[in-house]
Amino acid sequence: MPIIECSNVVKSFNLGKIKVEVLKGITLQIEAGQFTAIVGESGSGKSTFLNVLGGLMPYNEGEVIVAGTKIKNLNENQLALFRRKHLGFIFQSYNLLPQLTALENVIMPLIFLGVSKKEREKRALEILEKVGLKDRIHHKPSELSGGQQQRVSIARALVNNPELILADEPTGNLDSKTSIEILDLLKELNKSLKMTFIVVTHSSQVYSYADRIIKMKDGLLES
């Protein structure tokens, strides 16, 4: 079953009187459980496409169906609830709250979902152990390495047990050794948890981890 179904998706921006098309008619299906890499140079439209899939950015034309839901039919409140229940996001810049510990950062999404205090702490501890941070749960981001911060970000994305993980350049701020460690972790989680991963990247290092590689150029799919 496809978890992503896109049909002729168009996204444009207005820069003054100039209309700039970023996505120029994307038609695509992605099967549940796949580890998919979307690759392309800067300006190819890959990050915009990821934001559209995640309901973070509206699109102009076409149809986007994620986990059986037509994204265009949802208002802002419905979109926020949909993201909390079905999606997990991993960003290049980690986006951790600096005043909170690793455990508290991971717990945050569960608070918004109304999970009980006991249950959310249990789930956060379990996922932090799974990503190898059992001994760092009370450390704040400033006390963690870049790779450890990204592991916290991954744990936060996984804690609500989403169907789909969207990752935008997850190794972009990491050295090559740490990048390999993070990619190994993502692939292991993809297999063990049966979650769908879509990773946007310009790095060829990701290619060998992907079940499928989708190339973008100038807002179009190349292959």
C-alpha atoms as a PDB file:
ATOM      1  CA  MET A   1       0.000   0.000   0.000  1.00  0.00           C
ATOM      2  CA  PRO A   2       1.359   3.453  -0.834  1.00  0.00           C
ATOM      3  CA  ILE A   3       1.742   5.760   2.140  1.00  0.00           C
ATOM      4  CA  ILE A   4       2.357   8.727  -0.194  1.00  0.00           C
ATOM      5  CA  GLU A   5       0.340   9.452  -3.332  1.00  0.00           C
ATOM      6  CA  CYS A   6       1.056  12.632  -5.275  1.00  0.00           C
ATOM      7  CA  SER A   7      -0.592  13.645  -8.510  1.00  0.00           C
ATOM      8  CA  ASN A   8       0.593  16.622 -10.604  1.00  0.00           C
ATOM      9  CA  VAL A   9       1.644  18.648  -7.542  1.00  0.00           C
ATOM     10  CA  VAL A  10       2.537  22.261  -8.326  1.00  0.00           C
ATOM     11  CA  LYS A  11       3.988  24.770  -5.876  1.00  0.00           C
ATOM     12  CA  SER A  12       4.858  28.357  -6.771  1.00  0.00           C
ATOM     13  CA  PHE A  13       5.877  31.524  -4.959  1.00  0.00           C
ATOM     14  CA  ASN A  14       5.263  35.129  -5.916  1.00  0.00           C
ATOM     15  CA  LEU A  15       8.349  37.335  -5.752  1.00  0.00           C
ATOM     16  CA  GLY A  16       6.852  40.750  -6.404  1.00  0.00           C
ATOM     17  CA  LYS A  17       5.282  40.478  -9.829  1.00  0.00           C
ATOM     18  CA  ILE A  18       7.294  37.389 -10.711  1.00  0.00           C
ATOM     19  CA  LYS A  19       5.811  33.921 -10.248  1.00  0.00           C
ATOM     20  CA  VAL A  20       8.433  31.281  -9.465  1.00  0.00           C
ATOM     21  CA  GLU A  21       7.443  27.640  -9.886  1.00  0.00           C
ATOM     22  CA  VAL A  22       9.370  25.412  -7.472  1.00  0.00           C
ATOM     23  CA  LEU A  23       7.442  22.169  -8.042  1.00  0.00           C
ATOM     24  CA  LYS A  24       6.301  21.782 -11.632  1.00  0.00           C
ATOM     25  CA  GLY A  25       3.946  18.821 -11.561  1.00  0.00           C
ATOM     26  CA  ILE A  26       5.138  15.997  -9.307  1.00  0.00           C
ATOM     27  CA  THR A  27       3.433  12.607  -9.670  1.00  0.00           C
ATOM     28  CA  LEU A  28       4.743   9.935  -7.344  1.00  0.00           C
ATOM     29  CA  GLN A  29       3.861   7.014  -5.080  1.00  0.00           C
ATOM     30  CA  ILE A  30       5.932   5.788  -2.137  1.00  0.00           C
ATOM     31  CA  GLU A  31       5.214   2.420  -0.558  1.00  0.00           C
ATOM     32  CA  ALA A  32       4.828   1.973   3.191  1.00  0.00           C
ATOM     33  CA  GLY A  33       7.998   0.717   4.886  1.00  0.00           C
ATOM     34  CA  GLN A  34      10.403   2.007   2.233  1.00  0.00           C
ATOM     35  CA  PHE A  35      13.562   3.970   2.972  1.00  0.00           C
ATOM     36  CA  THR A  36      13.441   6.567   0.195  1.00  0.00           C
ATOM     37  CA  ALA A  37      16.100   9.168  -0.583  1.00  0.00           C
ATOM     38  CA  ILE A  38      15.108  12.303  -2.497  1.00  0.00           C
ATOM     39  CA  VAL A  39      18.292  13.751  -3.959  1.00  0.00           C
ATOM     40  CA  GLY A  40      19.178  16.821  -5.943  1.00  0.00           C
ATOM     41  CA  GLU A  41      21.222  19.997  -5.943  1.00  0.00           C
ATOM     42  CA  SER A  42      20.276  23.069  -3.942  1.00  0.00           C
ATOM     43  CA  GLY A  43      17.280  24.726  -5.590  1.00  0.00           C
ATOM     44  CA  SER A  44      15.975  21.494  -7.109  1.00  0.00           C
ATOM     45  CA  GLY A  45      12.783  21.683  -5.028  1.00  0.00           C
ATOM     46  CA  LYS A  46      13.440  18.674  -2.790  1.00  0.00           C
ATOM     47  CA  SER A  47      13.040  20.468   0.558  1.00  0.00           C
ATOM     48  CA  THR A  48       9.927  22.255  -0.669  1.00  0.00           C
ATOM     49  CA  PHE A  49       8.502  18.887  -1.696  1.00  0.00           C
ATOM     50  CA  LEU A  50       9.254  17.454   1.761  1.00  0.00           C
ATOM     51  CA  ASN A  51       7.489  20.408   3.407  1.00  0.00           C
ATOM     52  CA  VAL A  52       4.456  19.841   1.185  1.00  0.00           C
ATOM     53  CA  LEU A  53       4.365  16.146   2.132  1.00  0.00           C
ATOM     54  CA  GLY A  54       4.546  17.075   5.806  1.00  0.00           C
ATOM     55  CA  GLY A  55       1.709  19.569   5.574  1.00  0.00           C
ATOM     56  CA  LEU A  56       4.100  22.364   6.532  1.00  0.00           C
ATOM     57  CA  MET A  57       3.577  24.246   3.281  1.00  0.00           C
ATOM     58  CA  PRO A  58       0.450  24.596   1.107  1.00  0.00           C
ATOM     59  CA  TYR A  59       0.624  23.743  -2.577  1.00  0.00           C
ATOM     60  CA  ASN A  60      -1.146  25.340  -5.536  1.00  0.00           C
ATOM     61  CA  GLU A  61      -2.365  22.482  -7.695  1.00  0.00           C
ATOM     62  CA  GLY A  62      -2.652  18.716  -7.725  1.00  0.00           C
ATOM     63  CA  GLU A  63      -3.340  16.180  -4.982  1.00  0.00           C
ATOM     64  CA  VAL A  64      -1.276  14.961  -2.025  1.00  0.00           C
ATOM     65  CA  ILE A  65      -2.482  11.979  -0.004  1.00  0.00           C
ATOM     66  CA  VAL A  66      -0.444  10.994   3.069  1.00  0.00           C
ATOM     67  CA  ALA A  67      -1.414   7.931   5.124  1.00  0.00           C
ATOM     68  CA  GLY A  68      -4.794   7.908   3.416  1.00  0.00           C
ATOM     69  CA  THR A  69      -5.549  11.578   4.161  1.00  0.00           C
ATOM     70  CA  LYS A  70      -5.962  14.303   1.554  1.00  0.00           C
ATOM     71  CA  ILE A  71      -3.736  17.069   2.894  1.00  0.00           C
ATOM     72  CA  LYS A  72      -5.559  19.840   1.043  1.00  0.00           C
ATOM     73  CA  ASN A  73      -8.823  19.072   2.869  1.00  0.00           C
ATOM     74  CA  LEU A  74      -7.356  19.881   6.302  1.00  0.00           C
ATOM     75  CA  ASN A  75      -7.445  23.261   8.024  1.00  0.00           C
ATOM     76  CA  GLU A  76      -4.522  24.461  10.179  1.00  0.00           C
ATOM     77  CA  ASN A  77      -5.759  22.833  13.388  1.00  0.00           C
ATOM     78  CA  GLN A  78      -6.500  19.555  11.611  1.00  0.00           C
ATOM     79  CA  LEU A  79      -3.063  19.641   9.962  1.00  0.00           C
ATOM     80  CA  ALA A  80      -1.354  20.133  13.324  1.00  0.00           C
ATOM     81  CA  LEU A  81      -3.221  17.164  14.806  1.00  0.00           C
ATOM     82  CA  PHE A  82      -2.504  15.049  11.720  1.00  0.00           C
ATOM     83  CA  ARG A  83       1.236  15.763  11.977  1.00  0.00           C
ATOM     84  CA  ARG A  84       1.295  14.907  15.684  1.00  0.00           C
ATOM     85  CA  LYS A  85      -0.418  11.555  15.139  1.00  0.00           C
ATOM     86  CA  HIS A  86       1.074  10.334  11.871  1.00  0.00           C
ATOM     87  CA  LEU A  87       4.393  12.093  11.145  1.00  0.00           C
ATOM     88  CA  GLY A  88       7.826  12.530  12.661  1.00  0.00           C
ATOM     89  CA  PHE A  89      10.304  15.192  11.530  1.00  0.00           C
ATOM     90  CA  ILE A  90      14.113  15.186  11.652  1.00  0.00           C
ATOM     91  CA  PHE A  91      15.893  18.418  10.730  1.00  0.00           C
ATOM     92  CA  GLN A  92      19.472  19.308   9.881  1.00  0.00           C
ATOM     93  CA  SER A  93      19.617  21.848  12.725  1.00  0.00           C
ATOM     94  CA  TYR A  94      18.154  19.451  15.365  1.00  0.00           C
ATOM     95  CA  ASN A  95      15.620  22.076  16.607  1.00  0.00           C
ATOM     96  CA  LEU A  96      15.974  21.023  20.235  1.00  0.00           C
ATOM     97  CA  LEU A  97      14.834  23.305  23.059  1.00  0.00           C
ATOM     98  CA  PRO A  98      18.109  24.384  24.753  1.00  0.00           C
ATOM     99  CA  GLN A  99      16.633  24.773  28.239  1.00  0.00           C
ATOM    100  CA  LEU A 100      15.287  21.196  28.306  1.00  0.00           C
ATOM    101  CA  THR A 101      17.124  17.917  28.877  1.00  0.00           C
ATOM    102  CA  ALA A 102      17.233  15.161  26.266  1.00  0.00           C
ATOM    103  CA  LEU A 103      14.408  13.375  28.090  1.00  0.00           C
ATOM    104  CA  GLU A 104      12.280  16.520  28.296  1.00  0.00           C
ATOM    105  CA  ASN A 105      12.817  17.286  24.592  1.00  0.00           C
ATOM    106  CA  VAL A 106      11.625  13.806  23.634  1.00  0.00           C
ATOM    107  CA  ILE A 107       8.635  13.992  25.974  1.00  0.00           C
ATOM    108  CA  MET A 108       7.339  17.254  24.433  1.00  0.00           C
ATOM    109  CA  PRO A 109       5.321  15.752  21.499  1.00  0.00           C
ATOM    110  CA  LEU A 110       3.545  13.389  23.899  1.00  0.00           C
ATOM    111  CA  ILE A 111       2.388  16.291  26.074  1.00  0.00           C
ATOM    112  CA  PHE A 112       0.617  17.806  23.070  1.00  0.00           C
ATOM    113  CA  LEU A 113      -1.026  14.434  22.390  1.00  0.00           C
ATOM    114  CA  GLY A 114      -2.392  14.272  25.933  1.00  0.00           C
ATOM    115  CA  VAL A 115      -0.416  11.168  26.954  1.00  0.00           C
ATOM    116  CA  SER A 116      -0.277  10.617  30.735  1.00  0.00           C
ATOM    117  CA  LYS A 117       2.890  11.655  32.575  1.00  0.00           C
ATOM    118  CA  LYS A 118       3.818   8.095  33.506  1.00  0.00           C
ATOM    119  CA  GLU A 119       3.302   6.758  29.979  1.00  0.00           C
ATOM    120  CA  ARG A 120       5.129   9.572  28.198  1.00  0.00           C
ATOM    121  CA  GLU A 121       8.190   9.215  30.441  1.00  0.00           C
ATOM    122  CA  LYS A 122       8.182   5.450  29.872  1.00  0.00           C
ATOM    123  CA  ARG A 123       7.979   5.844  26.079  1.00  0.00           C
ATOM    124  CA  ALA A 124      10.637   8.576  26.004  1.00  0.00           C
ATOM    125  CA  LEU A 125      13.060   6.480  28.067  1.00  0.00           C
ATOM    126  CA  GLU A 126      12.499   3.457  25.811  1.00  0.00           C
ATOM    127  CA  ILE A 127      13.175   5.361  22.588  1.00  0.00           C
ATOM    128  CA  LEU A 128      16.226   7.165  24.018  1.00  0.00           C
ATOM    129  CA  GLU A 129      17.656   3.783  24.955  1.00  0.00           C
ATOM    130  CA  LYS A 130      16.909   2.528  21.437  1.00  0.00           C
ATOM    131  CA  VAL A 131      18.941   5.382  19.891  1.00  0.00           C
ATOM    132  CA  GLY A 132      21.829   4.771  22.307  1.00  0.00           C
ATOM    133  CA  LEU A 133      21.369   7.649  24.739  1.00  0.00           C
ATOM    134  CA  LYS A 134      20.330   5.862  27.935  1.00  0.00           C
ATOM    135  CA  ASP A 135      23.203   7.515  29.831  1.00  0.00           C
ATOM    136  CA  ARG A 136      22.528  11.039  28.470  1.00  0.00           C
ATOM    137  CA  ILE A 137      18.861  11.525  29.289  1.00  0.00           C
ATOM    138  CA  HIS A 138      19.447  14.355  31.800  1.00  0.00           C
ATOM    139  CA  HIS A 139      21.918  16.269  29.614  1.00  0.00           C
ATOM    140  CA  LYS A 140      20.886  19.499  27.879  1.00  0.00           C
ATOM    141  CA  PRO A 141      21.708  20.027  24.166  1.00  0.00           C
ATOM    142  CA  SER A 142      24.740  22.188  24.989  1.00  0.00           C
ATOM    143  CA  GLU A 143      26.201  19.219  26.886  1.00  0.00           C
ATOM    144  CA  LEU A 144      25.814  16.841  23.935  1.00  0.00           C
ATOM    145  CA  SER A 145      27.830  16.353  20.742  1.00  0.00           C
ATOM    146  CA  GLY A 146      26.254  17.043  17.346  1.00  0.00           C
ATOM    147  CA  GLY A 147      25.669  13.346  16.769  1.00  0.00           C
ATOM    148  CA  GLN A 148      24.071  12.963  20.207  1.00  0.00           C
ATOM    149  CA  GLN A 149      21.813  15.957  19.578  1.00  0.00           C
ATOM    150  CA  GLN A 150      20.678  14.407  16.307  1.00  0.00           C
ATOM    151  CA  ARG A 151      19.934  11.156  18.132  1.00  0.00           C
ATOM    152  CA  VAL A 152      17.711  13.129  20.522  1.00  0.00           C
ATOM    153  CA  SER A 153      16.014  14.668  17.495  1.00  0.00           C
ATOM    154  CA  ILE A 154      15.467  11.185  16.037  1.00  0.00           C
ATOM    155  CA  ALA A 155      14.067   9.917  19.356  1.00  0.00           C
ATOM    156  CA  ARG A 156      11.674  12.878  19.478  1.00  0.00           C
ATOM    157  CA  ALA A 157      10.504  12.102  15.925  1.00  0.00           C
ATOM    158  CA  LEU A 158       9.874   8.449  16.810  1.00  0.00           C
ATOM    159  CA  VAL A 159       8.305   8.753  20.260  1.00  0.00           C
ATOM    160  CA  ASN A 160       4.704   9.054  19.007  1.00  0.00           C
ATOM    161  CA  ASN A 161       5.177   5.915  16.861  1.00  0.00           C
ATOM    162  CA  PRO A 162       4.434   7.685  13.549  1.00  0.00           C
ATOM    163  CA  GLU A 163       3.771   5.949  10.251  1.00  0.00           C
ATOM    164  CA  LEU A 164       6.117   8.245   8.344  1.00  0.00           C
ATOM    165  CA  ILE A 165       9.435   9.952   9.168  1.00  0.00           C
ATOM    166  CA  LEU A 166      10.450  12.970   7.062  1.00  0.00           C
ATOM    167  CA  ALA A 167      14.127  13.900   7.363  1.00  0.00           C
ATOM    168  CA  ASP A 168      15.638  17.029   5.794  1.00  0.00           C
ATOM    169  CA  GLU A 169      19.438  16.740   5.439  1.00  0.00           C
ATOM    170  CA  PRO A 170      19.710  14.821   8.759  1.00  0.00           C
ATOM    171  CA  THR A 171      23.502  14.490   8.444  1.00  0.00           C
ATOM    172  CA  GLY A 172      24.155  17.942   6.983  1.00  0.00           C
ATOM    173  CA  ASN A 173      25.818  19.335  10.136  1.00  0.00           C
ATOM    174  CA  LEU A 174      27.778  16.194  11.012  1.00  0.00           C
ATOM    175  CA  ASP A 175      31.255  14.919  10.160  1.00  0.00           C
ATOM    176  CA  SER A 176      31.545  11.866   7.922  1.00  0.00           C
ATOM    177  CA  LYS A 177      32.057   9.335  10.742  1.00  0.00           C
ATOM    178  CA  THR A 178      29.067  10.605  12.724  1.00  0.00           C
ATOM    179  CA  SER A 179      27.003  10.800   9.530  1.00  0.00           C
ATOM    180  CA  ILE A 180      27.552   7.089   8.943  1.00  0.00           C
ATOM    181  CA  GLU A 181      26.537   6.335  12.538  1.00  0.00           C
ATOM    182  CA  ILE A 182      23.291   8.321  12.117  1.00  0.00           C
ATOM    183  CA  LEU A 183      22.497   6.714   8.754  1.00  0.00           C
ATOM    184  CA  ASP A 184      23.146   3.255  10.218  1.00  0.00           C
ATOM    185  CA  LEU A 185      20.736   4.124  13.024  1.00  0.00           C
ATOM    186  CA  LEU A 186      18.030   5.383  10.651  1.00  0.00           C
ATOM    187  CA  LYS A 187      18.266   2.248   8.516  1.00  0.00           C
ATOM    188  CA  GLU A 188      18.162  -0.001  11.585  1.00  0.00           C
ATOM    189  CA  LEU A 189      15.036   1.823  12.859  1.00  0.00           C
ATOM    190  CA  ASN A 190      13.447   1.613   9.425  1.00  0.00           C
ATOM    191  CA  LYS A 191      13.862  -2.172   9.458  1.00  0.00           C
ATOM    192  CA  SER A 192      13.081  -2.889  13.107  1.00  0.00           C
ATOM    193  CA  LEU A 193      10.094  -0.529  13.468  1.00  0.00           C
ATOM    194  CA  LYS A 194       8.753  -0.972   9.910  1.00  0.00           C
ATOM    195  CA  MET A 195       8.422   2.811   9.570  1.00  0.00           C
ATOM    196  CA  THR A 196       8.591   4.652   6.265  1.00  0.00           C
ATOM    197  CA  PHE A 197      11.551   7.040   5.987  1.00  0.00           C
ATOM    198  CA  ILE A 198      11.843   9.790   3.382  1.00  0.00           C
ATOM    199  CA  VAL A 199      15.240  11.487   3.526  1.00  0.00           C
ATOM    200  CA  VAL A 200      16.001  14.634   1.534  1.00  0.00           C
ATOM    201  CA  THR A 201      19.715  15.023   0.837  1.00  0.00           C
ATOM    202  CA  HIS A 202      22.363  16.233  -1.577  1.00  0.00           C
ATOM    203  CA  SER A 203      24.826  13.702  -0.144  1.00  0.00           C
ATOM    204  CA  SER A 204      25.702  10.600  -2.152  1.00  0.00           C
ATOM    205  CA  GLN A 205      26.547   8.921   1.192  1.00  0.00           C
ATOM    206  CA  VAL A 206      22.816   8.323   1.739  1.00  0.00           C
ATOM    207  CA  TYR A 207      22.340   6.451  -1.552  1.00  0.00           C
ATOM    208  CA  SER A 208      23.557   3.069  -0.309  1.00  0.00           C
ATOM    209  CA  TYR A 209      21.061   3.129   2.570  1.00  0.00           C
ATOM    210  CA  ALA A 210      17.989   3.752   0.444  1.00  0.00           C
ATOM    211  CA  ASP A 211      15.578   1.178  -0.960  1.00  0.00           C
ATOM    212  CA  ARG A 212      14.686   3.761  -3.580  1.00  0.00           C
ATOM    213  CA  ILE A 213      16.381   6.909  -4.903  1.00  0.00           C
ATOM    214  CA  ILE A 214      14.286   9.706  -6.403  1.00  0.00           C
ATOM    215  CA  LYS A 215      16.223  12.403  -8.269  1.00  0.00           C
ATOM    216  CA  MET A 216      14.883  15.934  -8.592  1.00  0.00           C
ATOM    217  CA  LYS A 217      16.048  18.741 -10.845  1.00  0.00           C
ATOM    218  CA  ASP A 218      14.448  22.137 -11.424  1.00  0.00           C
ATOM    219  CA  GLY A 219      11.194  21.113  -9.709  1.00  0.00           C
ATOM    220  CA  LEU A 220      10.751  17.904 -11.703  1.00  0.00           C
ATOM    221  CA  LEU A 221      11.484  14.240 -11.126  1.00  0.00           C
ATOM    222  CA  GLU A 222      14.381  12.933 -13.184  1.00  0.00           C
ATOM    223  CA  SER A 223      13.916   9.303 -12.201  1.00  0.00           C
END
